[in-house]
Amino acid sequence: MGLRGRIRRLERNAREEMIEIPQKDGMVARFPKSASMEAFANLVGRMGAGEDAPPEHPLLEAARNSSEPEWSESFYAAGGEGWTDQVEDLSE
């Protein structure tokens, strides 16, 4: 196998270990598989934290900007700025 074949095989193997999120502009956002757990923890940590919330994980933004409903309609896409402000306070 030549050098080009080896490089293609390495690239293919690397892509299998990545999360690929197609974007509306035609680009593809790629993240390691461990990023899904980090993004979920970030999403949960941002709930109700207000101004003290940690910075948003890049995977969450990529999910919201995705052209694929699998991502744009997933729970990863649920956490835009002020998304908890729309919830009515029923504590009274």
PDB file of N, CA and C in Angstrom:
ATOM      1  N   MET A   1       0.856  -1.168   0.000  1.00  0.00           N
ATOM      2  CA  MET A   1       0.000   0.000   0.000  1.00  0.00           C
ATOM      3  C   MET A   1       0.901   1.229   0.000  1.00  0.00           C
ATOM      4  N   GLY A   2       0.566   2.170  -0.871  1.00  0.00           N
ATOM      5  CA  GLY A   2       1.361   3.384  -0.983  1.00  0.00           C
ATOM      6  C   GLY A   2       1.048   4.385   0.120  1.00  0.00           C
ATOM      7  N   LEU A   3       1.784   5.450   0.122  1.00  0.00           N
ATOM      8  CA  LEU A   3       1.622   6.496   1.127  1.00  0.00           C
ATOM      9  C   LEU A   3       0.227   7.109   1.087  1.00  0.00           C
ATOM     10  N   ARG A   4      -0.290   7.380  -0.107  1.00  0.00           N
ATOM     11  CA  ARG A   4      -1.631   7.969  -0.229  1.00  0.00           C
ATOM     12  C   ARG A   4      -2.693   7.048   0.363  1.00  0.00           C
ATOM     13  N   GLY A   5      -2.577   5.765   0.102  1.00  0.00           N
ATOM     14  CA  GLY A   5      -3.530   4.799   0.650  1.00  0.00           C
ATOM     15  C   GLY A   5      -3.484   4.753   2.166  1.00  0.00           C
ATOM     16  N   ARG A   6      -2.308   4.816   2.710  1.00  0.00           N
ATOM     17  CA  ARG A   6      -2.166   4.812   4.172  1.00  0.00           C
ATOM     18  C   ARG A   6      -2.768   6.070   4.778  1.00  0.00           C
ATOM     19  N   ILE A   7      -2.528   7.205   4.130  1.00  0.00           N
ATOM     20  CA  ILE A   7      -3.080   8.464   4.640  1.00  0.00           C
ATOM     21  C   ILE A   7      -4.600   8.432   4.588  1.00  0.00           C
ATOM     22  N   ARG A   8      -5.169   7.940   3.480  1.00  0.00           N
ATOM     23  CA  ARG A   8      -6.627   7.831   3.384  1.00  0.00           C
ATOM     24  C   ARG A   8      -7.191   6.926   4.464  1.00  0.00           C
ATOM     25  N   ARG A   9      -6.522   5.807   4.722  1.00  0.00           N
ATOM     26  CA  ARG A   9      -6.993   4.887   5.752  1.00  0.00           C
ATOM     27  C   ARG A   9      -6.933   5.544   7.132  1.00  0.00           C
ATOM     28  N   LEU A  10      -5.866   6.267   7.416  1.00  0.00           N
ATOM     29  CA  LEU A  10      -5.757   6.978   8.693  1.00  0.00           C
ATOM     30  C   LEU A  10      -6.846   8.037   8.841  1.00  0.00           C
ATOM     31  N   GLU A  11      -7.107   8.773   7.778  1.00  0.00           N
ATOM     32  CA  GLU A  11      -8.167   9.788   7.816  1.00  0.00           C
ATOM     33  C   GLU A  11      -9.529   9.149   8.045  1.00  0.00           C
ATOM     34  N   ARG A  12      -9.801   8.041   7.366  1.00  0.00           N
ATOM     35  CA  ARG A  12     -11.075   7.341   7.518  1.00  0.00           C
ATOM     36  C   ARG A  12     -11.239   6.831   8.948  1.00  0.00           C
ATOM     37  N   ASN A  13     -10.194   6.257   9.513  1.00  0.00           N
ATOM     38  CA  ASN A  13     -10.250   5.772  10.891  1.00  0.00           C
ATOM     39  C   ASN A  13     -10.447   6.912  11.876  1.00  0.00           C
ATOM     40  N   ALA A  14      -9.811   8.041  11.627  1.00  0.00           N
ATOM     41  CA  ALA A  14      -9.961   9.193  12.515  1.00  0.00           C
ATOM     42  C   ALA A  14     -11.387   9.725  12.458  1.00  0.00           C
ATOM     43  N   ARG A  15     -12.003   9.758  11.274  1.00  0.00           N
ATOM     44  CA  ARG A  15     -13.377  10.244  11.141  1.00  0.00           C
ATOM     45  C   ARG A  15     -14.357   9.345  11.876  1.00  0.00           C
ATOM     46  N   GLU A  16     -14.092   8.049  11.940  1.00  0.00           N
ATOM     47  CA  GLU A  16     -14.978   7.127  12.641  1.00  0.00           C
ATOM     48  C   GLU A  16     -14.994   7.392  14.134  1.00  0.00           C
ATOM     49  N   GLU A  17     -13.952   8.014  14.649  1.00  0.00           N
ATOM     50  CA  GLU A  17     -13.859   8.305  16.072  1.00  0.00           C
ATOM     51  C   GLU A  17     -14.308   9.728  16.403  1.00  0.00           C
ATOM     52  N   MET A  18     -14.946  10.404  15.432  1.00  0.00           N
ATOM     53  CA  MET A  18     -15.357  11.783  15.614  1.00  0.00           C
ATOM     54  C   MET A  18     -16.881  11.905  15.499  1.00  0.00           C
ATOM     55  N   ILE A  19     -17.410  12.919  16.159  1.00  0.00           N
ATOM     56  CA  ILE A  19     -18.803  13.308  15.970  1.00  0.00           C
ATOM     57  C   ILE A  19     -18.786  14.384  14.892  1.00  0.00           C
ATOM     58  N   GLU A  20     -19.563  14.197  13.837  1.00  0.00           N
ATOM     59  CA  GLU A  20     -19.633  15.170  12.759  1.00  0.00           C
ATOM     60  C   GLU A  20     -21.020  15.792  12.750  1.00  0.00           C
ATOM     61  N   ILE A  21     -21.066  17.129  12.827  1.00  0.00           N
ATOM     62  CA  ILE A  21     -22.328  17.857  12.847  1.00  0.00           C
ATOM     63  C   ILE A  21     -22.359  18.779  11.630  1.00  0.00           C
ATOM     64  N   PRO A  22     -23.179  18.453  10.614  1.00  0.00           N
ATOM     65  CA  PRO A  22     -23.265  19.314   9.427  1.00  0.00           C
ATOM     66  C   PRO A  22     -23.855  20.671   9.806  1.00  0.00           C
ATOM     67  N   GLN A  23     -23.311  21.733   9.239  1.00  0.00           N
ATOM     68  CA  GLN A  23     -23.756  23.089   9.531  1.00  0.00           C
ATOM     69  C   GLN A  23     -24.566  23.652   8.363  1.00  0.00           C
ATOM     70  N   LYS A  24     -25.361  24.688   8.640  1.00  0.00           N
ATOM     71  CA  LYS A  24     -26.205  25.304   7.618  1.00  0.00           C
ATOM     72  C   LYS A  24     -25.385  25.916   6.492  1.00  0.00           C
ATOM     73  N   ASP A  25     -24.158  26.337   6.781  1.00  0.00           N
ATOM     74  CA  ASP A  25     -23.325  26.972   5.759  1.00  0.00           C
ATOM     75  C   ASP A  25     -22.545  25.957   4.910  1.00  0.00           C
ATOM     76  N   GLY A  26     -22.811  24.668   5.105  1.00  0.00           N
ATOM     77  CA  GLY A  26     -22.150  23.630   4.327  1.00  0.00           C
ATOM     78  C   GLY A  26     -20.900  23.051   4.973  1.00  0.00           C
ATOM     79  N   MET A  27     -20.394  23.676   6.017  1.00  0.00           N
ATOM     80  CA  MET A  27     -19.225  23.173   6.730  1.00  0.00           C
ATOM     81  C   MET A  27     -19.657  22.020   7.638  1.00  0.00           C
ATOM     82  N   VAL A  28     -18.685  21.345   8.209  1.00  0.00           N
ATOM     83  CA  VAL A  28     -18.953  20.256   9.153  1.00  0.00           C
ATOM     84  C   VAL A  28     -18.157  20.525  10.419  1.00  0.00           C
ATOM     85  N   ALA A  29     -18.844  20.562  11.559  1.00  0.00           N
ATOM     86  CA  ALA A  29     -18.167  20.712  12.846  1.00  0.00           C
ATOM     87  C   ALA A  29     -17.822  19.313  13.347  1.00  0.00           C
ATOM     88  N   ARG A  30     -16.579  19.117  13.745  1.00  0.00           N
ATOM     89  CA  ARG A  30     -16.122  17.803  14.218  1.00  0.00           C
ATOM     90  C   ARG A  30     -15.641  17.900  15.654  1.00  0.00           C
ATOM     91  N   PHE A  31     -16.022  16.890  16.436  1.00  0.00           N
ATOM     92  CA  PHE A  31     -15.649  16.834  17.845  1.00  0.00           C
ATOM     93  C   PHE A  31     -15.276  15.405  18.203  1.00  0.00           C
ATOM     94  N   PRO A  32     -14.389  15.216  19.179  1.00  0.00           N
ATOM     95  CA  PRO A  32     -14.125  13.852  19.659  1.00  0.00           C
ATOM     96  C   PRO A  32     -15.374  13.308  20.351  1.00  0.00           C
ATOM     97  N   LYS A  33     -15.523  12.005  20.383  1.00  0.00           N
ATOM     98  CA  LYS A  33     -16.720  11.408  20.987  1.00  0.00           C
ATOM     99  C   LYS A  33     -16.910  11.819  22.438  1.00  0.00           C
ATOM    100  N   SER A  34     -15.829  12.080  23.157  1.00  0.00           N
ATOM    101  CA  SER A  34     -15.952  12.498  24.555  1.00  0.00           C
ATOM    102  C   SER A  34     -16.612  13.864  24.693  1.00  0.00           C
ATOM    103  N   ALA A  35     -16.676  14.643  23.618  1.00  0.00           N
ATOM    104  CA  ALA A  35     -17.274  15.975  23.673  1.00  0.00           C
ATOM    105  C   ALA A  35     -18.773  15.911  23.945  1.00  0.00           C
ATOM    106  N   SER A  36     -19.430  14.823  23.579  1.00  0.00           N
ATOM    107  CA  SER A  36     -20.875  14.728  23.832  1.00  0.00           C
ATOM    108  C   SER A  36     -21.163  14.713  25.329  1.00  0.00           C
ATOM    109  N   MET A  37     -20.352  14.009  26.103  1.00  0.00           N
ATOM    110  CA  MET A  37     -20.539  13.996  27.561  1.00  0.00           C
ATOM    111  C   MET A  37     -20.204  15.363  28.158  1.00  0.00           C
ATOM    112  N   GLU A  38     -19.141  15.973  27.661  1.00  0.00           N
ATOM    113  CA  GLU A  38     -18.751  17.298  28.148  1.00  0.00           C
ATOM    114  C   GLU A  38     -19.833  18.327  27.836  1.00  0.00           C
ATOM    115  N   ALA A  39     -20.408  18.256  26.632  1.00  0.00           N
ATOM    116  CA  ALA A  39     -21.446  19.206  26.237  1.00  0.00           C
ATOM    117  C   ALA A  39     -22.702  19.018  27.075  1.00  0.00           C
ATOM    118  N   PHE A  40     -23.078  17.766  27.346  1.00  0.00           N
ATOM    119  CA  PHE A  40     -24.252  17.515  28.185  1.00  0.00           C
ATOM    120  C   PHE A  40     -24.035  18.057  29.591  1.00  0.00           C
ATOM    121  N   ALA A  41     -22.869  17.807  30.160  1.00  0.00           N
ATOM    122  CA  ALA A  41     -22.568  18.326  31.497  1.00  0.00           C
ATOM    123  C   ALA A  41     -22.587  19.852  31.496  1.00  0.00           C
ATOM    124  N   ASN A  42     -22.087  20.458  30.430  1.00  0.00           N
ATOM    125  CA  ASN A  42     -22.099  21.909  30.307  1.00  0.00           C
ATOM    126  C   ASN A  42     -23.524  22.427  30.224  1.00  0.00           C
ATOM    127  N   LEU A  43     -24.373  21.761  29.447  1.00  0.00           N
ATOM    128  CA  LEU A  43     -25.774  22.165  29.305  1.00  0.00           C
ATOM    129  C   LEU A  43     -26.493  22.112  30.641  1.00  0.00           C
ATOM    130  N   VAL A  44     -26.309  21.032  31.375  1.00  0.00           N
ATOM    131  CA  VAL A  44     -26.949  20.882  32.686  1.00  0.00           C
ATOM    132  C   VAL A  44     -26.389  21.912  33.672  1.00  0.00           C
ATOM    133  N   GLY A  45     -25.094  22.156  33.624  1.00  0.00           N
ATOM    134  CA  GLY A  45     -24.476  23.134  34.516  1.00  0.00           C
ATOM    135  C   GLY A  45     -24.923  24.560  34.249  1.00  0.00           C
ATOM    136  N   ARG A  46     -25.352  24.837  33.022  1.00  0.00           N
ATOM    137  CA  ARG A  46     -25.799  26.179  32.661  1.00  0.00           C
ATOM    138  C   ARG A  46     -27.245  26.434  33.054  1.00  0.00           C
ATOM    139  N   MET A  47     -28.011  25.386  33.315  1.00  0.00           N
ATOM    140  CA  MET A  47     -29.429  25.545  33.669  1.00  0.00           C
ATOM    141  C   MET A  47     -29.560  26.294  34.979  1.00  0.00           C
ATOM    142  N   GLY A  48     -30.228  27.389  34.938  1.00  0.00           N
ATOM    143  CA  GLY A  48     -30.509  28.153  36.137  1.00  0.00           C
ATOM    144  C   GLY A  48     -29.309  28.834  36.758  1.00  0.00           C
ATOM    145  N   ALA A  49     -28.171  28.807  36.113  1.00  0.00           N
ATOM    146  CA  ALA A  49     -26.970  29.411  36.692  1.00  0.00           C
ATOM    147  C   ALA A  49     -26.928  30.921  36.465  1.00  0.00           C
ATOM    148  N   GLY A  50     -27.743  31.421  35.540  1.00  0.00           N
ATOM    149  CA  GLY A  50     -27.783  32.857  35.281  1.00  0.00           C
ATOM    150  C   GLY A  50     -26.453  33.387  34.788  1.00  0.00           C
ATOM    151  N   GLU A  51     -26.020  34.490  35.383  1.00  0.00           N
ATOM    152  CA  GLU A  51     -24.759  35.109  34.968  1.00  0.00           C
ATOM    153  C   GLU A  51     -23.538  34.297  35.383  1.00  0.00           C
ATOM    154  N   ASP A  52     -23.709  33.398  36.339  1.00  0.00           N
ATOM    155  CA  ASP A  52     -22.602  32.570  36.816  1.00  0.00           C
ATOM    156  C   ASP A  52     -22.396  31.321  35.958  1.00  0.00           C
ATOM    157  N   ALA A  53     -23.139  31.210  34.865  1.00  0.00           N
ATOM    158  CA  ALA A  53     -23.070  30.023  34.027  1.00  0.00           C
ATOM    159  C   ALA A  53     -21.699  29.915  33.360  1.00  0.00           C
ATOM    160  N   PRO A  54     -21.207  28.691  33.222  1.00  0.00           N
ATOM    161  CA  PRO A  54     -19.930  28.508  32.509  1.00  0.00           C
ATOM    162  C   PRO A  54     -20.116  28.854  31.030  1.00  0.00           C
ATOM    163  N   PRO A  55     -19.044  29.128  30.312  1.00  0.00           N
ATOM    164  CA  PRO A  55     -19.167  29.396  28.876  1.00  0.00           C
ATOM    165  C   PRO A  55     -19.761  28.192  28.154  1.00  0.00           C
ATOM    166  N   GLU A  56     -20.500  28.462  27.109  1.00  0.00           N
ATOM    167  CA  GLU A  56     -21.176  27.402  26.373  1.00  0.00           C
ATOM    168  C   GLU A  56     -20.178  26.508  25.634  1.00  0.00           C
ATOM    169  N   HIS A  57     -20.441  25.223  25.665  1.00  0.00           N
ATOM    170  CA  HIS A  57     -19.596  24.259  24.947  1.00  0.00           C
ATOM    171  C   HIS A  57     -19.820  24.428  23.450  1.00  0.00           C
ATOM    172  N   PRO A  58     -18.770  24.382  22.631  1.00  0.00           N
ATOM    173  CA  PRO A  58     -18.908  24.568  21.176  1.00  0.00           C
ATOM    174  C   PRO A  58     -19.839  23.550  20.501  1.00  0.00           C
ATOM    175  N   LEU A  59     -19.956  22.346  21.049  1.00  0.00           N
ATOM    176  CA  LEU A  59     -20.847  21.358  20.452  1.00  0.00           C
ATOM    177  C   LEU A  59     -22.300  21.815  20.538  1.00  0.00           C
ATOM    178  N   LEU A  60     -22.679  22.519  21.594  1.00  0.00           N
ATOM    179  CA  LEU A  60     -24.053  23.006  21.744  1.00  0.00           C
ATOM    180  C   LEU A  60     -24.386  24.021  20.658  1.00  0.00           C
ATOM    181  N   GLU A  61     -23.468  24.923  20.398  1.00  0.00           N
ATOM    182  CA  GLU A  61     -23.669  25.906  19.339  1.00  0.00           C
ATOM    183  C   GLU A  61     -23.730  25.224  17.969  1.00  0.00           C
ATOM    184  N   ALA A  62     -22.873  24.250  17.747  1.00  0.00           N
ATOM    185  CA  ALA A  62     -22.872  23.523  16.482  1.00  0.00           C
ATOM    186  C   ALA A  62     -24.191  22.777  16.282  1.00  0.00           C
ATOM    187  N   ALA A  63     -24.751  22.223  17.346  1.00  0.00           N
ATOM    188  CA  ALA A  63     -26.033  21.518  17.246  1.00  0.00           C
ATOM    189  C   ALA A  63     -27.152  22.478  16.868  1.00  0.00           C
ATOM    190  N   ARG A  64     -27.168  23.671  17.462  1.00  0.00           N
ATOM    191  CA  ARG A  64     -28.194  24.657  17.125  1.00  0.00           C
ATOM    192  C   ARG A  64     -28.073  25.146  15.681  1.00  0.00           C
ATOM    193  N   ASN A  65     -26.843  25.216  15.161  1.00  0.00           N
ATOM    194  CA  ASN A  65     -26.603  25.702  13.805  1.00  0.00           C
ATOM    195  C   ASN A  65     -26.588  24.587  12.767  1.00  0.00           C
ATOM    196  N   SER A  66     -27.009  23.393  13.148  1.00  0.00           N
ATOM    197  CA  SER A  66     -26.936  22.249  12.241  1.00  0.00           C
ATOM    198  C   SER A  66     -28.048  22.273  11.196  1.00  0.00           C
ATOM    199  N   SER A  67     -27.738  21.747  10.028  1.00  0.00           N
ATOM    200  CA  SER A  67     -28.727  21.595   8.962  1.00  0.00           C
ATOM    201  C   SER A  67     -29.502  20.286   9.103  1.00  0.00           C
ATOM    202  N   GLU A  68     -29.060  19.413   9.990  1.00  0.00           N
ATOM    203  CA  GLU A  68     -29.693  18.114  10.189  1.00  0.00           C
ATOM    204  C   GLU A  68     -30.640  18.157  11.385  1.00  0.00           C
ATOM    205  N   PRO A  69     -31.917  17.768  11.208  1.00  0.00           N
ATOM    206  CA  PRO A  69     -32.861  17.745  12.327  1.00  0.00           C
ATOM    207  C   PRO A  69     -32.401  16.844  13.483  1.00  0.00           C
ATOM    208  N   GLU A  70     -31.619  15.816  13.153  1.00  0.00           N
ATOM    209  CA  GLU A  70     -31.085  14.933  14.194  1.00  0.00           C
ATOM    210  C   GLU A  70     -30.334  15.741  15.254  1.00  0.00           C
ATOM    211  N   TRP A  71     -29.661  16.816  14.840  1.00  0.00           N
ATOM    212  CA  TRP A  71     -28.912  17.671  15.761  1.00  0.00           C
ATOM    213  C   TRP A  71     -29.701  18.917  16.136  1.00  0.00           C
ATOM    214  N   SER A  72     -30.308  19.593  15.167  1.00  0.00           N
ATOM    215  CA  SER A  72     -30.968  20.868  15.445  1.00  0.00           C
ATOM    216  C   SER A  72     -32.218  20.714  16.308  1.00  0.00           C
ATOM    217  N   GLU A  73     -32.786  19.508  16.369  1.00  0.00           N
ATOM    218  CA  GLU A  73     -33.954  19.250  17.205  1.00  0.00           C
ATOM    219  C   GLU A  73     -33.620  18.389  18.423  1.00  0.00           C
ATOM    220  N   SER A  74     -32.345  18.196  18.688  1.00  0.00           N
ATOM    221  CA  SER A  74     -31.936  17.369  19.822  1.00  0.00           C
ATOM    222  C   SER A  74     -31.864  18.212  21.095  1.00  0.00           C
ATOM    223  N   PHE A  75     -31.692  17.543  22.230  1.00  0.00           N
ATOM    224  CA  PHE A  75     -31.571  18.281  23.482  1.00  0.00           C
ATOM    225  C   PHE A  75     -30.304  19.119  23.515  1.00  0.00           C
ATOM    226  N   TYR A  76     -29.306  18.776  22.697  1.00  0.00           N
ATOM    227  CA  TYR A  76     -28.087  19.585  22.635  1.00  0.00           C
ATOM    228  C   TYR A  76     -28.376  20.980  22.086  1.00  0.00           C
ATOM    229  N   ALA A  77     -29.397  21.121  21.258  1.00  0.00           N
ATOM    230  CA  ALA A  77     -29.731  22.408  20.642  1.00  0.00           C
ATOM    231  C   ALA A  77     -30.647  23.248  21.521  1.00  0.00           C
ATOM    232  N   ALA A  78     -31.028  22.739  22.675  1.00  0.00           N
ATOM    233  CA  ALA A  78     -32.030  23.411  23.505  1.00  0.00           C
ATOM    234  C   ALA A  78     -31.496  24.585  24.310  1.00  0.00           C
ATOM    235  N   GLY A  79     -30.207  24.781  24.402  1.00  0.00           N
ATOM    236  CA  GLY A  79     -29.693  25.736  25.369  1.00  0.00           C
ATOM    237  C   GLY A  79     -29.180  27.053  24.857  1.00  0.00           C
ATOM    238  N   GLY A  80     -29.950  27.789  24.058  1.00  0.00           N
ATOM    239  CA  GLY A  80     -29.495  29.103  23.606  1.00  0.00           C
ATOM    240  C   GLY A  80     -29.547  30.135  24.725  1.00  0.00           C
ATOM    241  N   GLU A  81     -29.071  31.330  24.449  1.00  0.00           N
ATOM    242  CA  GLU A  81     -29.081  32.406  25.441  1.00  0.00           C
ATOM    243  C   GLU A  81     -30.507  32.685  25.894  1.00  0.00           C
ATOM    244  N   GLY A  82     -30.723  32.741  27.190  1.00  0.00           N
ATOM    245  CA  GLY A  82     -32.024  33.105  27.748  1.00  0.00           C
ATOM    246  C   GLY A  82     -33.104  32.051  27.567  1.00  0.00           C
ATOM    247  N   TRP A  83     -32.738  30.825  27.273  1.00  0.00           N
ATOM    248  CA  TRP A  83     -33.751  29.817  26.988  1.00  0.00           C
ATOM    249  C   TRP A  83     -34.575  29.449  28.214  1.00  0.00           C
ATOM    250  N   THR A  84     -34.061  29.657  29.424  1.00  0.00           N
ATOM    251  CA  THR A  84     -34.855  29.378  30.614  1.00  0.00           C
ATOM    252  C   THR A  84     -35.707  30.576  31.026  1.00  0.00           C
ATOM    253  N   ASP A  85     -35.482  31.750  30.403  1.00  0.00           N
ATOM    254  CA  ASP A  85     -36.276  32.939  30.721  1.00  0.00           C
ATOM    255  C   ASP A  85     -37.723  32.766  30.272  1.00  0.00           C
ATOM    256  N   GLN A  86     -37.988  31.886  29.339  1.00  0.00           N
ATOM    257  CA  GLN A  86     -39.327  31.713  28.786  1.00  0.00           C
ATOM    258  C   GLN A  86     -40.215  30.841  29.671  1.00  0.00           C
ATOM    259  N   VAL A  87     -39.669  30.241  30.684  1.00  0.00           N
ATOM    260  CA  VAL A  87     -40.411  29.348  31.547  1.00  0.00           C
ATOM    261  C   VAL A  87     -41.169  30.165  32.596  1.00  0.00           C
ATOM    262  N   GLU A  88     -42.469  29.935  32.677  1.00  0.00           N
ATOM    263  CA  GLU A  88     -43.309  30.653  33.640  1.00  0.00           C
ATOM    264  C   GLU A  88     -42.995  30.176  35.058  1.00  0.00           C
ATOM    265  N   ASP A  89     -42.903  31.100  36.001  1.00  0.00           N
ATOM    266  CA  ASP A  89     -42.628  30.772  37.398  1.00  0.00           C
ATOM    267  C   ASP A  89     -43.923  30.285  38.048  1.00  0.00           C
ATOM    268  N   LEU A  90     -43.988  29.013  38.418  1.00  0.00           N
ATOM    269  CA  LEU A  90     -45.189  28.422  39.014  1.00  0.00           C
ATOM    270  C   LEU A  90     -44.994  28.156  40.506  1.00  0.00           C
ATOM    271  N   SER A  91     -44.016  28.792  41.121  1.00  0.00           N
ATOM    272  CA  SER A  91     -43.693  28.483  42.512  1.00  0.00           C
ATOM    273  C   SER A  91     -44.648  29.102  43.516  1.00  0.00           C
ATOM    274  N   GLU A  92     -45.544  29.972  43.098  1.00  0.00           N
ATOM    275  CA  GLU A  92     -46.465  30.634  44.053  1.00  0.00           C
ATOM    276  C   GLU A  92     -47.663  29.807  44.363  1.00  0.00           C
TER     277      GLU A  92
END
